[in-house]
PDB file of N, CA and C in Angstrom:
ATOM      1  N   UNK A   1       5.194 -36.436  29.942  1.00  0.00           N
ATOM      2  CA  UNK A   1       5.868 -34.666  29.465  1.00  0.00           C
ATOM      3  C   UNK A   1       6.387 -35.118  27.918  1.00  0.00           C
ATOM      4  N   UNK A   2       5.770 -33.461  27.816  1.00  0.00           N
ATOM      5  CA  UNK A   2       5.905 -33.101  26.466  1.00  0.00           C
ATOM      6  C   UNK A   2       7.614 -32.353  26.159  1.00  0.00           C
ATOM      7  N   UNK A   3       7.876 -32.694  24.832  1.00  0.00           N
ATOM      8  CA  UNK A   3       9.394 -31.995  24.595  1.00  0.00           C
ATOM      9  C   UNK A   3       9.442 -30.490  24.699  1.00  0.00           C
ATOM     10  N   UNK A   4      10.473 -30.439  25.360  1.00  0.00           N
ATOM     11  CA  UNK A   4      10.722 -28.370  25.579  1.00  0.00           C
ATOM     12  C   UNK A   4      10.778 -28.237  24.360  1.00  0.00           C
ATOM     13  N   UNK A   5      10.704 -26.415  24.635  1.00  0.00           N
ATOM     14  CA  UNK A   5      10.668 -25.779  23.247  1.00  0.00           C
ATOM     15  C   UNK A   5      12.158 -25.470  23.535  1.00  0.00           C
ATOM     16  N   UNK A   6      12.471 -26.105  21.956  1.00  0.00           N
ATOM     17  CA  UNK A   6      14.250 -25.933  21.041  1.00  0.00           C
ATOM     18  C   UNK A   6      14.176 -24.367  20.983  1.00  0.00           C
ATOM     19  N   UNK A   7      14.716 -23.651  21.674  1.00  0.00           N
ATOM     20  CA  UNK A   7      14.826 -22.233  21.164  1.00  0.00           C
ATOM     21  C   UNK A   7      16.447 -21.870  20.927  1.00  0.00           C
ATOM     22  N   UNK A   8      16.313 -21.150  19.799  1.00  0.00           N
ATOM     23  CA  UNK A   8      18.007 -20.352  19.295  1.00  0.00           C
ATOM     24  C   UNK A   8      17.729 -19.172  19.355  1.00  0.00           C
ATOM     25  N   UNK A   9      19.028 -18.568  20.508  1.00  0.00           N
ATOM     26  CA  UNK A   9      19.070 -17.038  20.840  1.00  0.00           C
ATOM     27  C   UNK A   9      20.046 -16.175  19.437  1.00  0.00           C
ATOM     28  N   UNK A  10      19.715 -15.332  19.379  1.00  0.00           N
ATOM     29  CA  UNK A  10      20.296 -14.219  18.317  1.00  0.00           C
ATOM     30  C   UNK A  10      20.635 -12.414  18.823  1.00  0.00           C
ATOM     31  N   UNK A  11      21.653 -12.448  19.275  1.00  0.00           N
ATOM     32  CA  UNK A  11      22.054 -10.967  20.071  1.00  0.00           C
ATOM     33  C   UNK A  11      23.528 -10.930  19.718  1.00  0.00           C
ATOM     34  N   UNK A  12      23.772  -9.537  19.114  1.00  0.00           N
ATOM     35  CA  UNK A  12      25.361  -9.159  18.744  1.00  0.00           C
ATOM     36  C   UNK A  12      26.507  -9.119  19.995  1.00  0.00           C
ATOM     37  N   UNK A  13      25.357  -8.771  21.569  1.00  0.00           N
ATOM     38  CA  UNK A  13      26.364  -8.748  22.579  1.00  0.00           C
ATOM     39  C   UNK A  13      26.334 -10.271  23.550  1.00  0.00           C
ATOM     40  N   UNK A  14      27.408 -10.657  23.629  1.00  0.00           N
ATOM     41  CA  UNK A  14      27.515 -12.055  24.356  1.00  0.00           C
ATOM     42  C   UNK A  14      26.960 -11.928  25.773  1.00  0.00           C
ATOM     43  N   UNK A  15      26.920 -10.724  26.296  1.00  0.00           N
ATOM     44  CA  UNK A  15      26.686 -10.647  28.183  1.00  0.00           C
ATOM     45  C   UNK A  15      25.219 -10.981  28.108  1.00  0.00           C
ATOM     46  N   UNK A  16      24.542 -10.578  26.770  1.00  0.00           N
ATOM     47  CA  UNK A  16      23.037 -10.463  26.844  1.00  0.00           C
ATOM     48  C   UNK A  16      22.538 -11.717  26.260  1.00  0.00           C
ATOM     49  N   UNK A  17      23.689 -12.387  25.097  1.00  0.00           N
ATOM     50  CA  UNK A  17      23.146 -13.510  25.202  1.00  0.00           C
ATOM     51  C   UNK A  17      22.928 -14.846  26.449  1.00  0.00           C
ATOM     52  N   UNK A  18      24.401 -14.637  27.218  1.00  0.00           N
ATOM     53  CA  UNK A  18      24.413 -15.427  28.496  1.00  0.00           C
ATOM     54  C   UNK A  18      23.438 -15.363  29.370  1.00  0.00           C
ATOM     55  N   UNK A  19      23.382 -13.802  29.804  1.00  0.00           N
ATOM     56  CA  UNK A  19      21.751 -13.365  30.377  1.00  0.00           C
ATOM     57  C   UNK A  19      20.485 -14.235  30.286  1.00  0.00           C
ATOM     58  N   UNK A  20      20.631 -14.090  29.083  1.00  0.00           N
ATOM     59  CA  UNK A  20      18.599 -14.895  28.927  1.00  0.00           C
ATOM     60  C   UNK A  20      19.107 -16.480  28.816  1.00  0.00           C
ATOM     61  N   UNK A  21      20.397 -16.960  28.396  1.00  0.00           N
ATOM     62  CA  UNK A  21      20.816 -18.038  28.321  1.00  0.00           C
ATOM     63  C   UNK A  21      20.557 -18.461  30.253  1.00  0.00           C
ATOM     64  N   UNK A  22      20.728 -17.855  30.620  1.00  0.00           N
ATOM     65  CA  UNK A  22      20.961 -18.341  31.863  1.00  0.00           C
ATOM     66  C   UNK A  22      19.320 -18.136  32.737  1.00  0.00           C
ATOM     67  N   UNK A  23      18.442 -17.264  31.829  1.00  0.00           N
ATOM     68  CA  UNK A  23      16.955 -17.061  33.045  1.00  0.00           C
ATOM     69  C   UNK A  23      16.618 -18.534  31.384  1.00  0.00           C
ATOM     70  N   UNK A  24      16.572 -18.525  30.859  1.00  0.00           N
ATOM     71  CA  UNK A  24      15.851 -19.391  29.794  1.00  0.00           C
ATOM     72  C   UNK A  24      15.720 -21.029  30.253  1.00  0.00           C
ATOM     73  N   UNK A  25      17.224 -21.176  30.724  1.00  0.00           N
ATOM     74  CA  UNK A  25      17.391 -22.455  30.904  1.00  0.00           C
ATOM     75  C   UNK A  25      17.018 -22.854  32.317  1.00  0.00           C
ATOM     76  N   UNK A  26      16.491 -21.833  33.059  1.00  0.00           N
ATOM     77  CA  UNK A  26      15.550 -22.157  34.360  1.00  0.00           C
ATOM     78  C   UNK A  26      14.790 -22.770  34.284  1.00  0.00           C
ATOM     79  N   UNK A  27      13.830 -22.557  33.369  1.00  0.00           N
ATOM     80  CA  UNK A  27      12.757 -23.324  33.046  1.00  0.00           C
ATOM     81  C   UNK A  27      13.030 -24.706  32.141  1.00  0.00           C
ATOM     82  N   UNK A  28      11.929 -25.677  32.490  1.00  0.00           N
ATOM     83  CA  UNK A  28      11.906 -26.914  32.417  1.00  0.00           C
ATOM     84  C   UNK A  28      11.425 -27.275  30.749  1.00  0.00           C
ATOM     85  N   UNK A  29      10.829 -26.689  30.595  1.00  0.00           N
ATOM     86  CA  UNK A  29      10.328 -26.634  29.585  1.00  0.00           C
ATOM     87  C   UNK A  29      11.099 -25.819  28.235  1.00  0.00           C
ATOM     88  N   UNK A  30      11.695 -25.276  28.259  1.00  0.00           N
ATOM     89  CA  UNK A  30      12.744 -24.755  27.050  1.00  0.00           C
ATOM     90  C   UNK A  30      14.318 -25.057  27.118  1.00  0.00           C
ATOM     91  N   UNK A  31      14.708 -25.333  26.064  1.00  0.00           N
ATOM     92  CA  UNK A  31      15.754 -26.291  26.042  1.00  0.00           C
ATOM     93  C   UNK A  31      16.530 -25.252  24.594  1.00  0.00           C
ATOM     94  N   UNK A  32      17.912 -24.303  25.274  1.00  0.00           N
ATOM     95  CA  UNK A  32      18.378 -23.382  24.389  1.00  0.00           C
ATOM     96  C   UNK A  32      19.484 -24.317  23.217  1.00  0.00           C
ATOM     97  N   UNK A  33      18.810 -24.677  22.132  1.00  0.00           N
ATOM     98  CA  UNK A  33      19.777 -25.232  21.364  1.00  0.00           C
ATOM     99  C   UNK A  33      20.800 -24.849  21.027  1.00  0.00           C
ATOM    100  N   UNK A  34      21.380 -23.121  20.522  1.00  0.00           N
ATOM    101  CA  UNK A  34      22.201 -22.239  20.246  1.00  0.00           C
ATOM    102  C   UNK A  34      22.186 -21.438  20.054  1.00  0.00           C
ATOM    103  N   UNK A  35      23.523 -20.316  20.112  1.00  0.00           N
ATOM    104  CA  UNK A  35      23.514 -19.120  20.159  1.00  0.00           C
ATOM    105  C   UNK A  35      24.453 -18.262  19.100  1.00  0.00           C
ATOM    106  N   UNK A  36      23.692 -17.348  18.316  1.00  0.00           N
ATOM    107  CA  UNK A  36      24.232 -16.753  17.718  1.00  0.00           C
ATOM    108  C   UNK A  36      24.481 -15.471  17.536  1.00  0.00           C
ATOM    109  N   UNK A  37      25.527 -14.712  17.072  1.00  0.00           N
ATOM    110  CA  UNK A  37      25.650 -13.523  17.290  1.00  0.00           C
ATOM    111  C   UNK A  37      25.864 -12.280  16.444  1.00  0.00           C
ATOM    112  N   UNK A  38      25.062 -13.254  15.144  1.00  0.00           N
ATOM    113  CA  UNK A  38      24.603 -12.136  13.894  1.00  0.00           C
ATOM    114  C   UNK A  38      23.096 -13.271  12.878  1.00  0.00           C
ATOM    115  N   UNK A  39      22.617 -11.867  12.138  1.00  0.00           N
ATOM    116  CA  UNK A  39      21.322 -12.526  11.483  1.00  0.00           C
ATOM    117  C   UNK A  39      21.694 -13.744  10.808  1.00  0.00           C
ATOM    118  N   UNK A  40      23.155 -13.411   9.860  1.00  0.00           N
ATOM    119  CA  UNK A  40      23.656 -14.904   9.071  1.00  0.00           C
ATOM    120  C   UNK A  40      23.952 -16.072   9.595  1.00  0.00           C
ATOM    121  N   UNK A  41      24.883 -15.625  11.150  1.00  0.00           N
ATOM    122  CA  UNK A  41      25.267 -16.701  11.996  1.00  0.00           C
ATOM    123  C   UNK A  41      23.917 -17.364  12.610  1.00  0.00           C
ATOM    124  N   UNK A  42      22.675 -17.020  12.607  1.00  0.00           N
ATOM    125  CA  UNK A  42      21.486 -17.116  12.942  1.00  0.00           C
ATOM    126  C   UNK A  42      20.795 -18.220  12.225  1.00  0.00           C
ATOM    127  N   UNK A  43      20.481 -17.776  11.113  1.00  0.00           N
ATOM    128  CA  UNK A  43      20.049 -18.603   9.624  1.00  0.00           C
ATOM    129  C   UNK A  43      20.943 -20.198   9.695  1.00  0.00           C
ATOM    130  N   UNK A  44      22.062 -19.462   9.650  1.00  0.00           N
ATOM    131  CA  UNK A  44      22.859 -20.910   9.412  1.00  0.00           C
ATOM    132  C   UNK A  44      22.736 -22.099  10.498  1.00  0.00           C
ATOM    133  N   UNK A  45      22.637 -21.388  11.634  1.00  0.00           N
ATOM    134  CA  UNK A  45      22.318 -22.306  12.598  1.00  0.00           C
ATOM    135  C   UNK A  45      20.937 -22.872  12.601  1.00  0.00           C
ATOM    136  N   UNK A  46      20.032 -22.017  12.311  1.00  0.00           N
ATOM    137  CA  UNK A  46      18.488 -22.565  12.047  1.00  0.00           C
ATOM    138  C   UNK A  46      18.702 -23.903  11.152  1.00  0.00           C
ATOM    139  N   UNK A  47      19.439 -23.558   9.857  1.00  0.00           N
ATOM    140  CA  UNK A  47      19.345 -24.861   9.120  1.00  0.00           C
ATOM    141  C   UNK A  47      19.631 -26.029   9.796  1.00  0.00           C
ATOM    142  N   UNK A  48      20.983 -26.159  10.835  1.00  0.00           N
ATOM    143  CA  UNK A  48      21.321 -26.951  11.142  1.00  0.00           C
ATOM    144  C   UNK A  48      20.493 -27.531  12.356  1.00  0.00           C
ATOM    145  N   UNK A  49      20.230 -26.753  13.419  1.00  0.00           N
ATOM    146  CA  UNK A  49      19.558 -27.469  14.743  1.00  0.00           C
ATOM    147  C   UNK A  49      17.952 -27.303  14.515  1.00  0.00           C
ATOM    148  N   UNK A  50      17.555 -26.722  14.098  1.00  0.00           N
ATOM    149  CA  UNK A  50      15.991 -26.711  13.060  1.00  0.00           C
ATOM    150  C   UNK A  50      15.180 -26.400  15.125  1.00  0.00           C
ATOM    151  N   UNK A  51      15.885 -25.256  15.604  1.00  0.00           N
ATOM    152  CA  UNK A  51      14.945 -24.709  16.573  1.00  0.00           C
ATOM    153  C   UNK A  51      13.309 -24.813  16.692  1.00  0.00           C
ATOM    154  N   UNK A  52      12.498 -24.681  17.606  1.00  0.00           N
ATOM    155  CA  UNK A  52      11.054 -24.361  17.338  1.00  0.00           C
ATOM    156  C   UNK A  52      10.379 -22.741  17.102  1.00  0.00           C
ATOM    157  N   UNK A  53      11.585 -22.283  18.085  1.00  0.00           N
ATOM    158  CA  UNK A  53      11.568 -20.541  18.196  1.00  0.00           C
ATOM    159  C   UNK A  53      13.189 -20.137  17.941  1.00  0.00           C
ATOM    160  N   UNK A  54      13.023 -18.811  17.665  1.00  0.00           N
ATOM    161  CA  UNK A  54      14.220 -18.516  17.103  1.00  0.00           C
ATOM    162  C   UNK A  54      14.138 -16.905  17.835  1.00  0.00           C
ATOM    163  N   UNK A  55      14.709 -17.028  19.097  1.00  0.00           N
ATOM    164  CA  UNK A  55      14.632 -14.950  19.868  1.00  0.00           C
ATOM    165  C   UNK A  55      15.446 -14.405  19.225  1.00  0.00           C
ATOM    166  N   UNK A  56      15.569 -13.392  18.639  1.00  0.00           N
ATOM    167  CA  UNK A  56      16.081 -12.696  17.806  1.00  0.00           C
ATOM    168  C   UNK A  56      16.038 -11.080  18.195  1.00  0.00           C
ATOM    169  N   UNK A  57      17.395 -10.269  18.346  1.00  0.00           N
ATOM    170  CA  UNK A  57      17.333  -8.873  18.700  1.00  0.00           C
ATOM    171  C   UNK A  57      17.188  -8.447  17.625  1.00  0.00           C
ATOM    172  N   UNK A  58      16.220  -7.236  17.549  1.00  0.00           N
ATOM    173  CA  UNK A  58      15.795  -6.643  16.251  1.00  0.00           C
ATOM    174  C   UNK A  58      16.859  -5.543  15.685  1.00  0.00           C
ATOM    175  N   UNK A  59      17.856  -5.183  16.646  1.00  0.00           N
ATOM    176  CA  UNK A  59      18.937  -4.467  15.889  1.00  0.00           C
ATOM    177  C   UNK A  59      20.190  -4.425  16.120  1.00  0.00           C
ATOM    178  N   UNK A  60      20.440  -5.776  15.821  1.00  0.00           N
ATOM    179  CA  UNK A  60      21.964  -6.676  15.717  1.00  0.00           C
ATOM    180  C   UNK A  60      22.847  -4.902  15.383  1.00  0.00           C
ATOM    181  N   UNK A  61      24.421  -5.459  15.430  1.00  0.00           N
ATOM    182  CA  UNK A  61      25.307  -4.411  15.612  1.00  0.00           C
ATOM    183  C   UNK A  61      25.145  -4.638  13.880  1.00  0.00           C
ATOM    184  N   UNK A  62      24.994  -5.135  13.081  1.00  0.00           N
ATOM    185  CA  UNK A  62      24.969  -5.154  11.627  1.00  0.00           C
ATOM    186  C   UNK A  62      24.185  -4.238  11.005  1.00  0.00           C
ATOM    187  N   UNK A  63      22.701  -3.588  11.243  1.00  0.00           N
ATOM    188  CA  UNK A  63      22.352  -3.247  11.330  1.00  0.00           C
ATOM    189  C   UNK A  63      20.586  -3.694  11.784  1.00  0.00           C
ATOM    190  N   UNK A  64      19.952  -3.931  11.019  1.00  0.00           N
ATOM    191  CA  UNK A  64      18.637  -4.441  10.580  1.00  0.00           C
ATOM    192  C   UNK A  64      18.420  -6.152  10.817  1.00  0.00           C
ATOM    193  N   UNK A  65      17.653  -6.997  11.124  1.00  0.00           N
ATOM    194  CA  UNK A  65      17.241  -8.149  10.871  1.00  0.00           C
ATOM    195  C   UNK A  65      16.454  -8.806   9.866  1.00  0.00           C
ATOM    196  N   UNK A  66      16.795  -7.554   8.600  1.00  0.00           N
ATOM    197  CA  UNK A  66      15.535  -7.613   7.836  1.00  0.00           C
ATOM    198  C   UNK A  66      15.503  -9.101   6.834  1.00  0.00           C
ATOM    199  N   UNK A  67      17.010  -9.392   6.247  1.00  0.00           N
ATOM    200  CA  UNK A  67      16.912 -10.702   5.361  1.00  0.00           C
ATOM    201  C   UNK A  67      16.611 -11.839   6.780  1.00  0.00           C
ATOM    202  N   UNK A  68      17.063 -11.771   7.847  1.00  0.00           N
ATOM    203  CA  UNK A  68      17.041 -12.985   8.653  1.00  0.00           C
ATOM    204  C   UNK A  68      15.579 -13.186   8.764  1.00  0.00           C
ATOM    205  N   UNK A  69      14.895 -11.470   9.294  1.00  0.00           N
ATOM    206  CA  UNK A  69      13.597 -12.298   9.345  1.00  0.00           C
ATOM    207  C   UNK A  69      12.430 -12.440   8.483  1.00  0.00           C
ATOM    208  N   UNK A  70      12.998 -11.922   7.257  1.00  0.00           N
ATOM    209  CA  UNK A  70      12.116 -12.537   6.158  1.00  0.00           C
ATOM    210  C   UNK A  70      11.574 -13.851   5.841  1.00  0.00           C
ATOM    211  N   UNK A  71      10.189 -13.432   5.593  1.00  0.00           N
ATOM    212  CA  UNK A  71       9.584 -15.088   5.915  1.00  0.00           C
ATOM    213  C   UNK A  71      10.018 -16.106   4.464  1.00  0.00           C
ATOM    214  N   UNK A  72      10.605 -15.398   3.757  1.00  0.00           N
ATOM    215  CA  UNK A  72      10.698 -16.011   2.632  1.00  0.00           C
ATOM    216  C   UNK A  72      12.083 -16.674   2.794  1.00  0.00           C
ATOM    217  N   UNK A  73      13.578 -16.219   3.416  1.00  0.00           N
ATOM    218  CA  UNK A  73      14.259 -16.307   4.283  1.00  0.00           C
ATOM    219  C   UNK A  73      14.146 -18.003   5.046  1.00  0.00           C
ATOM    220  N   UNK A  74      13.035 -17.164   6.064  1.00  0.00           N
ATOM    221  CA  UNK A  74      12.834 -18.589   7.014  1.00  0.00           C
ATOM    222  C   UNK A  74      12.093 -19.716   6.235  1.00  0.00           C
ATOM    223  N   UNK A  75      11.807 -20.024   5.227  1.00  0.00           N
ATOM    224  CA  UNK A  75      11.307 -20.811   4.821  1.00  0.00           C
ATOM    225  C   UNK A  75      11.844 -21.991   3.879  1.00  0.00           C
ATOM    226  N   UNK A  76      13.231 -21.216   3.863  1.00  0.00           N
ATOM    227  CA  UNK A  76      14.219 -21.930   3.054  1.00  0.00           C
ATOM    228  C   UNK A  76      15.118 -22.689   4.005  1.00  0.00           C
ATOM    229  N   UNK A  77      14.979 -21.875   5.281  1.00  0.00           N
ATOM    230  CA  UNK A  77      15.425 -22.417   6.549  1.00  0.00           C
ATOM    231  C   UNK A  77      15.290 -23.371   6.856  1.00  0.00           C
ATOM    232  N   UNK A  78      13.596 -23.568   7.404  1.00  0.00           N
ATOM    233  CA  UNK A  78      13.012 -24.384   8.005  1.00  0.00           C
ATOM    234  C   UNK A  78      12.223 -25.464   7.152  1.00  0.00           C
ATOM    235  N   UNK A  79      11.883 -26.898   7.446  1.00  0.00           N
ATOM    236  CA  UNK A  79      11.454 -27.519   6.509  1.00  0.00           C
ATOM    237  C   UNK A  79      10.064 -27.290   6.914  1.00  0.00           C
TER     238      UNK A  79
END
């Protein structure tokens, strides 16, 4: 059996994160390793948790995810 995909959720709405977590954790091959409420928080958590996938809302309350989704920023966080 292969290891589950490690996933980090990012959405500024807690109810959306909770719904996604409930849906995704029902799959045997997905492990939700964290939840973030902002792009900044997601970057910090990604650096700590090293998820395989970050599922991020493209219209966070703070505006856009330009800095968090920037490939150069992502390279600094991911090994």
